[in-house]
PDB file of N, CA and C in Angstrom:
ATOM      1  N   MET A   1     107.714-156.286-142.578  1.00  0.00           N
ATOM      2  CA  MET A   1     107.186-156.707-142.934  1.00  0.00           C
ATOM      3  C   MET A   1     106.445-155.918-143.914  1.00  0.00           C
ATOM      4  N   ILE A   2     106.219-156.296-144.749  1.00  0.00           N
ATOM      5  CA  ILE A   2     105.501-155.940-145.986  1.00  0.00           C
ATOM      6  C   ILE A   2     103.693-156.624-146.035  1.00  0.00           C
ATOM      7  N   GLU A   3     103.227-155.814-145.816  1.00  0.00           N
ATOM      8  CA  GLU A   3     101.494-156.142-145.841  1.00  0.00           C
ATOM      9  C   GLU A   3     100.898-156.172-146.744  1.00  0.00           C
ATOM     10  N   GLU A   4      99.768-157.363-146.783  1.00  0.00           N
ATOM     11  CA  GLU A   4      99.108-157.777-148.253  1.00  0.00           C
ATOM     12  C   GLU A   4      98.408-156.736-148.818  1.00  0.00           C
ATOM     13  N   LYS A   5      98.385-157.121-149.691  1.00  0.00           N
ATOM     14  CA  LYS A   5      97.853-155.618-150.400  1.00  0.00           C
ATOM     15  C   LYS A   5      96.193-156.135-149.935  1.00  0.00           C
ATOM     16  N   LYS A   6      95.302-155.048-149.806  1.00  0.00           N
ATOM     17  CA  LYS A   6      93.956-155.674-149.636  1.00  0.00           C
ATOM     18  C   LYS A   6      92.925-154.919-150.510  1.00  0.00           C
ATOM     19  N   THR A   7      91.925-155.823-150.393  1.00  0.00           N
ATOM     20  CA  THR A   7      90.561-156.024-151.479  1.00  0.00           C
ATOM     21  C   THR A   7      88.975-155.731-151.287  1.00  0.00           C
ATOM     22  N   GLY A   8      88.467-155.301-152.370  1.00  0.00           N
ATOM     23  CA  GLY A   8      87.059-155.102-152.207  1.00  0.00           C
ATOM     24  C   GLY A   8      87.366-154.329-150.282  1.00  0.00           C
ATOM     25  N   LYS A   9      86.083-154.814-149.373  1.00  0.00           N
ATOM     26  CA  LYS A   9      85.594-154.423-148.393  1.00  0.00           C
ATOM     27  C   LYS A   9      86.838-154.398-147.052  1.00  0.00           C
ATOM     28  N   ASP A  10      87.939-154.834-147.814  1.00  0.00           N
ATOM     29  CA  ASP A  10      88.820-154.782-146.601  1.00  0.00           C
ATOM     30  C   ASP A  10      89.429-153.525-147.375  1.00  0.00           C
ATOM     31  N   ARG A  11      89.427-152.739-148.355  1.00  0.00           N
ATOM     32  CA  ARG A  11      90.158-152.080-148.333  1.00  0.00           C
ATOM     33  C   ARG A  11      89.486-150.135-148.305  1.00  0.00           C
ATOM     34  N   VAL A  12      88.621-149.967-147.249  1.00  0.00           N
ATOM     35  CA  VAL A  12      88.142-149.048-146.533  1.00  0.00           C
ATOM     36  C   VAL A  12      88.420-148.938-145.567  1.00  0.00           C
ATOM     37  N   GLN A  13      88.652-147.372-145.907  1.00  0.00           N
ATOM     38  CA  GLN A  13      89.697-146.480-144.797  1.00  0.00           C
ATOM     39  C   GLN A  13      88.735-146.344-143.850  1.00  0.00           C
ATOM     40  N   PRO A  14      89.508-146.995-142.195  1.00  0.00           N
ATOM     41  CA  PRO A  14      89.155-146.751-140.906  1.00  0.00           C
ATOM     42  C   PRO A  14      88.672-145.145-140.676  1.00  0.00           C
ATOM     43  N   ALA A  15      89.338-144.309-140.800  1.00  0.00           N
ATOM     44  CA  ALA A  15      89.485-142.646-140.844  1.00  0.00           C
ATOM     45  C   ALA A  15      87.806-142.446-141.474  1.00  0.00           C
ATOM     46  N   THR A  16      87.499-143.339-142.155  1.00  0.00           N
ATOM     47  CA  THR A  16      86.150-142.444-143.107  1.00  0.00           C
ATOM     48  C   THR A  16      84.650-143.337-142.249  1.00  0.00           C
ATOM     49  N   ARG A  17      84.981-144.299-141.490  1.00  0.00           N
ATOM     50  CA  ARG A  17      83.814-144.157-140.539  1.00  0.00           C
ATOM     51  C   ARG A  17      84.003-144.178-139.314  1.00  0.00           C
ATOM     52  N   ASN A  18      82.832-144.181-138.121  1.00  0.00           N
ATOM     53  CA  ASN A  18      82.618-144.479-136.976  1.00  0.00           C
ATOM     54  C   ASN A  18      83.327-143.519-136.498  1.00  0.00           C
ATOM     55  N   GLU A  19      83.276-141.512-137.264  1.00  0.00           N
ATOM     56  CA  GLU A  19      84.269-140.489-137.037  1.00  0.00           C
ATOM     57  C   GLU A  19      83.320-139.699-137.075  1.00  0.00           C
ATOM     58  N   GLU A  20      83.607-138.184-136.381  1.00  0.00           N
ATOM     59  CA  GLU A  20      83.178-136.799-136.380  1.00  0.00           C
ATOM     60  C   GLU A  20      83.964-136.156-137.790  1.00  0.00           C
ATOM     61  N   TRP A  21      83.211-135.241-138.071  1.00  0.00           N
ATOM     62  CA  TRP A  21      83.523-134.902-139.128  1.00  0.00           C
ATOM     63  C   TRP A  21      82.606-133.314-138.911  1.00  0.00           C
ATOM     64  N   SER A  22      83.837-132.481-138.062  1.00  0.00           N
ATOM     65  CA  SER A  22      83.025-130.945-137.997  1.00  0.00           C
ATOM     66  C   SER A  22      83.322-130.625-139.317  1.00  0.00           C
ATOM     67  N   ASP A  23      82.619-129.129-139.086  1.00  0.00           N
ATOM     68  CA  ASP A  23      82.572-128.378-140.178  1.00  0.00           C
ATOM     69  C   ASP A  23      84.266-127.943-140.333  1.00  0.00           C
ATOM     70  N   GLU A  24      84.743-127.799-139.618  1.00  0.00           N
ATOM     71  CA  GLU A  24      86.172-127.245-139.544  1.00  0.00           C
ATOM     72  C   GLU A  24      86.763-128.515-140.288  1.00  0.00           C
ATOM     73  N   ARG A  25      87.074-129.664-139.832  1.00  0.00           N
ATOM     74  CA  ARG A  25      87.444-130.512-141.037  1.00  0.00           C
ATOM     75  C   ARG A  25      86.696-130.493-142.191  1.00  0.00           C
ATOM     76  N   VAL A  26      85.922-130.319-142.614  1.00  0.00           N
ATOM     77  CA  VAL A  26      85.191-130.618-143.892  1.00  0.00           C
ATOM     78  C   VAL A  26      85.975-129.684-144.999  1.00  0.00           C
ATOM     79  N   LYS A  27      86.258-128.608-144.057  1.00  0.00           N
ATOM     80  CA  LYS A  27      85.802-127.569-144.829  1.00  0.00           C
ATOM     81  C   LYS A  27      88.002-127.030-145.427  1.00  0.00           C
ATOM     82  N   ALA A  28      88.675-127.940-143.948  1.00  0.00           N
ATOM     83  CA  ALA A  28      89.986-128.092-144.759  1.00  0.00           C
ATOM     84  C   ALA A  28      90.457-128.345-145.974  1.00  0.00           C
ATOM     85  N   PHE A  29      89.600-129.192-146.295  1.00  0.00           N
ATOM     86  CA  PHE A  29      89.827-129.628-148.094  1.00  0.00           C
ATOM     87  C   PHE A  29      89.381-128.638-149.362  1.00  0.00           C
ATOM     88  N   LEU A  30      89.113-127.628-148.228  1.00  0.00           N
ATOM     89  CA  LEU A  30      89.604-126.437-149.867  1.00  0.00           C
ATOM     90  C   LEU A  30      90.863-125.762-149.200  1.00  0.00           C
ATOM     91  N   ASP A  31      91.871-125.752-148.968  1.00  0.00           N
ATOM     92  CA  ASP A  31      93.352-125.702-148.501  1.00  0.00           C
ATOM     93  C   ASP A  31      93.741-126.616-149.181  1.00  0.00           C
ATOM     94  N   LEU A  32      93.526-127.875-149.853  1.00  0.00           N
ATOM     95  CA  LEU A  32      94.600-128.706-150.188  1.00  0.00           C
ATOM     96  C   LEU A  32      95.300-127.866-151.927  1.00  0.00           C
ATOM     97  N   GLU A  33      96.563-128.308-151.708  1.00  0.00           N
ATOM     98  CA  GLU A  33      97.093-127.476-152.942  1.00  0.00           C
ATOM     99  C   GLU A  33      97.296-129.183-153.936  1.00  0.00           C
ATOM    100  N   ALA A  34      97.028-128.186-155.119  1.00  0.00           N
ATOM    101  CA  ALA A  34      96.985-129.350-156.424  1.00  0.00           C
ATOM    102  C   ALA A  34      98.386-129.224-156.585  1.00  0.00           C
ATOM    103  N   PRO A  35      99.213-131.409-157.212  1.00  0.00           N
ATOM    104  CA  PRO A  35     100.029-131.387-157.665  1.00  0.00           C
ATOM    105  C   PRO A  35     100.470-130.220-159.208  1.00  0.00           C
ATOM    106  N   GLU A  36     101.755-130.263-159.960  1.00  0.00           N
ATOM    107  CA  GLU A  36     101.177-129.472-160.861  1.00  0.00           C
ATOM    108  C   GLU A  36     100.406-130.138-162.155  1.00  0.00           C
ATOM    109  N   GLY A  37      99.843-129.260-162.847  1.00  0.00           N
ATOM    110  CA  GLY A  37      99.128-129.731-163.827  1.00  0.00           C
ATOM    111  C   GLY A  37      97.906-130.044-163.960  1.00  0.00           C
ATOM    112  N   THR A  38      97.420-130.465-162.650  1.00  0.00           N
ATOM    113  CA  THR A  38      96.214-130.572-162.138  1.00  0.00           C
ATOM    114  C   THR A  38      95.293-129.613-161.724  1.00  0.00           C
ATOM    115  N   PRO A  39      94.001-129.446-162.078  1.00  0.00           N
ATOM    116  CA  PRO A  39      93.326-128.039-161.895  1.00  0.00           C
ATOM    117  C   PRO A  39      92.863-127.973-160.468  1.00  0.00           C
ATOM    118  N   ALA A  40      93.173-127.121-159.569  1.00  0.00           N
ATOM    119  CA  ALA A  40      93.065-126.806-158.161  1.00  0.00           C
ATOM    120  C   ALA A  40      91.124-127.811-157.730  1.00  0.00           C
ATOM    121  N   ASP A  41      91.017-127.507-158.116  1.00  0.00           N
ATOM    122  CA  ASP A  41      89.399-127.736-157.988  1.00  0.00           C
ATOM    123  C   ASP A  41      88.848-128.834-158.225  1.00  0.00           C
ATOM    124  N   TYR A  42      89.465-129.459-159.522  1.00  0.00           N
ATOM    125  CA  TYR A  42      89.458-130.494-159.983  1.00  0.00           C
ATOM    126  C   TYR A  42      90.433-132.278-158.510  1.00  0.00           C
ATOM    127  N   HIS A  43      90.948-131.209-158.428  1.00  0.00           N
ATOM    128  CA  HIS A  43      92.152-131.811-157.012  1.00  0.00           C
ATOM    129  C   HIS A  43      91.573-131.889-156.010  1.00  0.00           C
ATOM    130  N   VAL A  44      90.998-131.080-155.152  1.00  0.00           N
ATOM    131  CA  VAL A  44      89.957-130.448-154.148  1.00  0.00           C
ATOM    132  C   VAL A  44      88.627-131.355-153.851  1.00  0.00           C
ATOM    133  N   LEU A  45      88.055-131.620-155.383  1.00  0.00           N
ATOM    134  CA  LEU A  45      87.037-132.360-155.488  1.00  0.00           C
ATOM    135  C   LEU A  45      87.522-134.228-155.811  1.00  0.00           C
ATOM    136  N   LYS A  46      88.608-134.846-156.121  1.00  0.00           N
ATOM    137  CA  LYS A  46      88.543-135.718-155.902  1.00  0.00           C
ATOM    138  C   LYS A  46      89.099-137.065-154.767  1.00  0.00           C
ATOM    139  N   LYS A  47      89.823-134.966-154.237  1.00  0.00           N
ATOM    140  CA  LYS A  47      90.669-135.687-152.890  1.00  0.00           C
ATOM    141  C   LYS A  47      88.631-136.164-151.800  1.00  0.00           C
ATOM    142  N   ALA A  48      88.232-135.346-151.802  1.00  0.00           N
ATOM    143  CA  ALA A  48      87.132-135.364-151.177  1.00  0.00           C
ATOM    144  C   ALA A  48      86.091-135.818-151.225  1.00  0.00           C
ATOM    145  N   TYR A  49      86.225-136.729-152.810  1.00  0.00           N
ATOM    146  CA  TYR A  49      85.360-138.134-153.045  1.00  0.00           C
ATOM    147  C   TYR A  49      86.021-139.215-152.165  1.00  0.00           C
ATOM    148  N   ARG A  50      86.984-139.278-152.349  1.00  0.00           N
ATOM    149  CA  ARG A  50      87.718-140.671-151.819  1.00  0.00           C
ATOM    150  C   ARG A  50      87.986-140.321-150.200  1.00  0.00           C
ATOM    151  N   SER A  51      87.835-139.637-150.013  1.00  0.00           N
ATOM    152  CA  SER A  51      88.058-139.333-147.951  1.00  0.00           C
ATOM    153  C   SER A  51      86.867-139.653-147.356  1.00  0.00           C
ATOM    154  N   MET A  52      85.729-139.255-148.698  1.00  0.00           N
ATOM    155  CA  MET A  52      85.044-139.107-147.485  1.00  0.00           C
ATOM    156  C   MET A  52      83.552-139.915-147.690  1.00  0.00           C
ATOM    157  N   LEU A  53      82.443-140.121-146.664  1.00  0.00           N
ATOM    158  CA  LEU A  53      81.496-140.347-146.731  1.00  0.00           C
ATOM    159  C   LEU A  53      80.753-139.569-147.723  1.00  0.00           C
ATOM    160  N   PRO A  54      79.098-140.430-148.632  1.00  0.00           N
ATOM    161  CA  PRO A  54      78.208-139.349-149.705  1.00  0.00           C
ATOM    162  C   PRO A  54      78.137-138.524-148.010  1.00  0.00           C
ATOM    163  N   GLU A  55      78.010-138.889-146.884  1.00  0.00           N
ATOM    164  CA  GLU A  55      77.100-137.311-145.733  1.00  0.00           C
ATOM    165  C   GLU A  55      78.047-136.474-145.454  1.00  0.00           C
ATOM    166  N   GLN A  56      79.280-136.793-145.106  1.00  0.00           N
ATOM    167  CA  GLN A  56      80.110-135.253-145.222  1.00  0.00           C
ATOM    168  C   GLN A  56      80.589-134.952-146.650  1.00  0.00           C
ATOM    169  N   PHE A  57      80.582-135.946-148.010  1.00  0.00           N
ATOM    170  CA  PHE A  57      80.404-135.013-149.562  1.00  0.00           C
ATOM    171  C   PHE A  57      79.807-134.258-149.436  1.00  0.00           C
ATOM    172  N   SER A  58      77.995-134.214-149.052  1.00  0.00           N
ATOM    173  CA  SER A  58      76.854-133.710-149.059  1.00  0.00           C
ATOM    174  C   SER A  58      77.018-132.205-148.431  1.00  0.00           C
ATOM    175  N   ARG A  59      77.725-132.369-147.889  1.00  0.00           N
ATOM    176  CA  ARG A  59      78.250-131.555-146.274  1.00  0.00           C
ATOM    177  C   ARG A  59      79.396-130.773-147.542  1.00  0.00           C
ATOM    178  N   PHE A  60      80.251-131.050-147.616  1.00  0.00           N
ATOM    179  CA  PHE A  60      81.128-131.241-148.662  1.00  0.00           C
ATOM    180  C   PHE A  60      81.033-129.872-149.593  1.00  0.00           C
ATOM    181  N   ILE A  61      79.969-130.047-150.771  1.00  0.00           N
ATOM    182  CA  ILE A  61      80.100-129.583-151.841  1.00  0.00           C
ATOM    183  C   ILE A  61      79.363-128.395-151.412  1.00  0.00           C
ATOM    184  N   PRO A  62      78.481-128.018-150.775  1.00  0.00           N
ATOM    185  CA  PRO A  62      78.004-126.423-150.504  1.00  0.00           C
ATOM    186  C   PRO A  62      78.898-125.186-150.022  1.00  0.00           C
ATOM    187  N   PHE A  63      80.084-125.538-149.193  1.00  0.00           N
ATOM    188  CA  PHE A  63      80.891-125.204-148.962  1.00  0.00           C
ATOM    189  C   PHE A  63      82.162-125.004-150.293  1.00  0.00           C
ATOM    190  N   PHE A  64      82.288-126.205-151.181  1.00  0.00           N
ATOM    191  CA  PHE A  64      82.668-125.449-152.338  1.00  0.00           C
ATOM    192  C   PHE A  64      82.256-124.771-152.829  1.00  0.00           C
ATOM    193  N   VAL A  65      81.308-124.829-153.337  1.00  0.00           N
ATOM    194  CA  VAL A  65      79.899-123.732-153.703  1.00  0.00           C
ATOM    195  C   VAL A  65      80.139-122.689-154.061  1.00  0.00           C
ATOM    196  N   GLU A  66      80.051-122.302-152.933  1.00  0.00           N
ATOM    197  CA  GLU A  66      79.883-121.006-151.635  1.00  0.00           C
ATOM    198  C   GLU A  66      81.205-120.309-151.538  1.00  0.00           C
ATOM    199  N   ALA A  67      82.563-121.071-151.604  1.00  0.00           N
ATOM    200  CA  ALA A  67      83.530-120.548-151.622  1.00  0.00           C
ATOM    201  C   ALA A  67      84.203-119.946-153.706  1.00  0.00           C
ATOM    202  N   GLY A  68      83.156-120.635-153.978  1.00  0.00           N
ATOM    203  CA  GLY A  68      83.449-119.736-155.179  1.00  0.00           C
ATOM    204  C   GLY A  68      83.914-120.341-156.123  1.00  0.00           C
ATOM    205  N   ARG A  69      84.395-122.161-156.440  1.00  0.00           N
ATOM    206  CA  ARG A  69      84.948-122.596-156.514  1.00  0.00           C
ATOM    207  C   ARG A  69      84.191-122.850-157.605  1.00  0.00           C
ATOM    208  N   ASP A  70      85.254-123.840-159.082  1.00  0.00           N
ATOM    209  CA  ASP A  70      84.487-124.675-159.826  1.00  0.00           C
ATOM    210  C   ASP A  70      83.541-125.964-160.105  1.00  0.00           C
ATOM    211  N   ILE A  71      82.234-125.922-159.896  1.00  0.00           N
ATOM    212  CA  ILE A  71      81.989-127.718-159.646  1.00  0.00           C
ATOM    213  C   ILE A  71      82.588-128.259-161.268  1.00  0.00           C
ATOM    214  N   ASN A  72      82.615-127.931-161.970  1.00  0.00           N
ATOM    215  CA  ASN A  72      82.501-128.018-163.439  1.00  0.00           C
ATOM    216  C   ASN A  72      83.933-128.266-164.232  1.00  0.00           C
ATOM    217  N   VAL A  73      84.877-127.653-163.498  1.00  0.00           N
ATOM    218  CA  VAL A  73      85.986-127.780-163.876  1.00  0.00           C
ATOM    219  C   VAL A  73      86.539-129.117-165.020  1.00  0.00           C
ATOM    220  N   LYS A  74      87.281-128.929-165.452  1.00  0.00           N
ATOM    221  CA  LYS A  74      87.352-129.610-166.352  1.00  0.00           C
ATOM    222  C   LYS A  74      89.286-129.853-166.297  1.00  0.00           C
ATOM    223  N   LEU A  75      89.936-131.060-167.051  1.00  0.00           N
ATOM    224  CA  LEU A  75      90.358-131.671-166.828  1.00  0.00           C
ATOM    225  C   LEU A  75      90.826-131.210-168.642  1.00  0.00           C
ATOM    226  N   GLU A  76      92.349-131.713-169.204  1.00  0.00           N
ATOM    227  CA  GLU A  76      92.840-130.777-170.590  1.00  0.00           C
ATOM    228  C   GLU A  76      91.577-132.193-171.272  1.00  0.00           C
ATOM    229  N   ASN A  77      91.599-132.974-171.289  1.00  0.00           N
ATOM    230  CA  ASN A  77      90.687-134.043-171.837  1.00  0.00           C
ATOM    231  C   ASN A  77      89.513-133.708-172.687  1.00  0.00           C
ATOM    232  N   GLY A  78      88.831-132.490-171.191  1.00  0.00           N
ATOM    233  CA  GLY A  78      87.674-131.855-171.142  1.00  0.00           C
ATOM    234  C   GLY A  78      86.938-132.621-170.540  1.00  0.00           C
ATOM    235  N   GLN A  79      87.642-133.770-169.382  1.00  0.00           N
ATOM    236  CA  GLN A  79      86.692-134.535-168.546  1.00  0.00           C
ATOM    237  C   GLN A  79      86.451-134.175-167.765  1.00  0.00           C
ATOM    238  N   THR A  80      84.868-133.861-166.853  1.00  0.00           N
ATOM    239  CA  THR A  80      84.079-132.960-165.426  1.00  0.00           C
ATOM    240  C   THR A  80      84.492-133.993-164.652  1.00  0.00           C
ATOM    241  N   PHE A  81      84.347-133.597-163.175  1.00  0.00           N
ATOM    242  CA  PHE A  81      84.585-134.194-162.106  1.00  0.00           C
ATOM    243  C   PHE A  81      83.382-135.576-162.020  1.00  0.00           C
ATOM    244  N   LEU A  82      82.405-134.748-162.646  1.00  0.00           N
ATOM    245  CA  LEU A  82      81.318-135.454-162.677  1.00  0.00           C
ATOM    246  C   LEU A  82      81.090-136.908-163.648  1.00  0.00           C
ATOM    247  N   ASP A  83      82.188-136.979-164.630  1.00  0.00           N
ATOM    248  CA  ASP A  83      82.471-137.515-166.360  1.00  0.00           C
ATOM    249  C   ASP A  83      83.225-138.672-165.519  1.00  0.00           C
ATOM    250  N   HIS A  84      83.792-138.562-164.122  1.00  0.00           N
ATOM    251  CA  HIS A  84      84.681-139.288-163.339  1.00  0.00           C
ATOM    252  C   HIS A  84      84.286-140.174-162.766  1.00  0.00           C
ATOM    253  N   LEU A  85      83.357-138.911-161.278  1.00  0.00           N
ATOM    254  CA  LEU A  85      82.266-139.698-160.773  1.00  0.00           C
ATOM    255  C   LEU A  85      81.156-141.243-161.707  1.00  0.00           C
ATOM    256  N   LYS A  86      80.997-140.966-162.654  1.00  0.00           N
ATOM    257  CA  LYS A  86      80.111-141.788-163.538  1.00  0.00           C
ATOM    258  C   LYS A  86      80.612-142.974-164.251  1.00  0.00           C
ATOM    259  N   GLN A  87      82.090-143.226-164.039  1.00  0.00           N
ATOM    260  CA  GLN A  87      82.951-144.710-164.322  1.00  0.00           C
ATOM    261  C   GLN A  87      82.658-145.412-162.612  1.00  0.00           C
ATOM    262  N   HIS A  88      82.167-144.901-161.357  1.00  0.00           N
ATOM    263  CA  HIS A  88      82.587-145.780-160.444  1.00  0.00           C
ATOM    264  C   HIS A  88      80.958-146.526-160.506  1.00  0.00           C
ATOM    265  N   ARG A  89      80.615-147.217-159.808  1.00  0.00           N
ATOM    266  CA  ARG A  89      79.290-148.173-160.261  1.00  0.00           C
ATOM    267  C   ARG A  89      79.068-147.735-158.906  1.00  0.00           C
ATOM    268  N   LYS A  90      79.784-147.650-157.240  1.00  0.00           N
ATOM    269  CA  LYS A  90      79.286-147.141-156.698  1.00  0.00           C
ATOM    270  C   LYS A  90      78.947-146.066-155.926  1.00  0.00           C
ATOM    271  N   ALA A  91      79.308-144.913-156.873  1.00  0.00           N
ATOM    272  CA  ALA A  91      79.357-143.447-156.695  1.00  0.00           C
ATOM    273  C   ALA A  91      77.860-142.440-156.729  1.00  0.00           C
ATOM    274  N   ALA A  92      76.499-143.352-156.672  1.00  0.00           N
ATOM    275  CA  ALA A  92      75.586-142.625-156.853  1.00  0.00           C
ATOM    276  C   ALA A  92      75.309-141.609-156.305  1.00  0.00           C
ATOM    277  N   PRO A  93      75.345-141.785-154.961  1.00  0.00           N
ATOM    278  CA  PRO A  93      74.947-141.396-153.805  1.00  0.00           C
ATOM    279  C   PRO A  93      75.911-139.442-154.458  1.00  0.00           C
ATOM    280  N   TYR A  94      77.239-139.550-154.134  1.00  0.00           N
ATOM    281  CA  TYR A  94      77.999-138.611-154.883  1.00  0.00           C
ATOM    282  C   TYR A  94      77.597-137.767-155.830  1.00  0.00           C
ATOM    283  N   ILE A  95      76.634-138.425-156.741  1.00  0.00           N
ATOM    284  CA  ILE A  95      76.126-138.026-158.259  1.00  0.00           C
ATOM    285  C   ILE A  95      75.339-137.317-157.973  1.00  0.00           C
ATOM    286  N   LYS A  96      74.682-138.098-157.383  1.00  0.00           N
ATOM    287  CA  LYS A  96      73.333-136.861-156.690  1.00  0.00           C
ATOM    288  C   LYS A  96      73.239-135.750-155.849  1.00  0.00           C
ATOM    289  N   VAL A  97      74.857-135.620-155.176  1.00  0.00           N
ATOM    290  CA  VAL A  97      75.013-134.525-154.179  1.00  0.00           C
ATOM    291  C   VAL A  97      75.655-133.640-155.012  1.00  0.00           C
ATOM    292  N   MET A  98      76.411-134.088-156.534  1.00  0.00           N
ATOM    293  CA  MET A  98      77.142-132.997-157.280  1.00  0.00           C
ATOM    294  C   MET A  98      76.183-132.552-158.409  1.00  0.00           C
ATOM    295  N   GLN A  99      74.465-133.343-159.086  1.00  0.00           N
ATOM    296  CA  GLN A  99      74.057-133.346-160.022  1.00  0.00           C
ATOM    297  C   GLN A  99      72.920-132.083-158.940  1.00  0.00           C
ATOM    298  N   ASN A 100      72.763-131.884-157.487  1.00  0.00           N
ATOM    299  CA  ASN A 100      72.302-131.378-157.228  1.00  0.00           C
ATOM    300  C   ASN A 100      72.997-129.872-156.647  1.00  0.00           C
ATOM    301  N   ASN A 101      74.032-129.649-156.868  1.00  0.00           N
ATOM    302  CA  ASN A 101      75.064-128.045-156.177  1.00  0.00           C
ATOM    303  C   ASN A 101      74.544-127.500-157.883  1.00  0.00           C
ATOM    304  N   GLY A 102      74.455-128.342-159.158  1.00  0.00           N
ATOM    305  CA  GLY A 102      75.164-127.590-160.424  1.00  0.00           C
ATOM    306  C   GLY A 102      75.649-128.800-160.982  1.00  0.00           C
ATOM    307  N   ALA A 103      76.016-129.450-160.514  1.00  0.00           N
ATOM    308  CA  ALA A 103      77.451-130.240-161.416  1.00  0.00           C
ATOM    309  C   ALA A 103      76.893-130.964-163.024  1.00  0.00           C
ATOM    310  N   GLU A 104      77.468-130.777-164.226  1.00  0.00           N
ATOM    311  CA  GLU A 104      77.125-131.428-164.933  1.00  0.00           C
ATOM    312  C   GLU A 104      78.346-132.251-165.948  1.00  0.00           C
ATOM    313  N   THR A 105      78.027-133.310-166.490  1.00  0.00           N
ATOM    314  CA  THR A 105      79.230-133.511-167.371  1.00  0.00           C
ATOM    315  C   THR A 105      79.581-133.060-168.638  1.00  0.00           C
ATOM    316  N   SER A 106      80.734-133.546-169.648  1.00  0.00           N
ATOM    317  CA  SER A 106      80.878-132.936-170.128  1.00  0.00           C
ATOM    318  C   SER A 106      79.903-132.288-171.479  1.00  0.00           C
ATOM    319  N   GLN A 107      79.005-133.500-171.426  1.00  0.00           N
ATOM    320  CA  GLN A 107      78.250-134.000-172.289  1.00  0.00           C
ATOM    321  C   GLN A 107      76.730-132.843-172.401  1.00  0.00           C
ATOM    322  N   SER A 108      76.530-132.229-171.614  1.00  0.00           N
ATOM    323  CA  SER A 108      76.067-131.698-171.031  1.00  0.00           C
ATOM    324  C   SER A 108      75.527-130.205-171.625  1.00  0.00           C
TER     325      SER A 108
END
């Protein structure tokens, strides 16, 4: 049976709600492997953003920076992950976390 496509609030992943996120689980995102042609640090940031609520993301980013990862990693077109976030209307808490940890746009 094919499930009907979800829209709006129905698209929220239950895995990110009402669930405990240990430091180990948050740090596990640092081990994700990027597909060929995608910078590893950009891939990790994108996966964390898509998987975590702002609270978990705010815990993840310091681990990311402490691990020596590049918070200002750029795609081939020069776009940073912060540039990507600024295109999303509900990303304000994530943008604040990134900026508080040294992230810049490609225009900075």
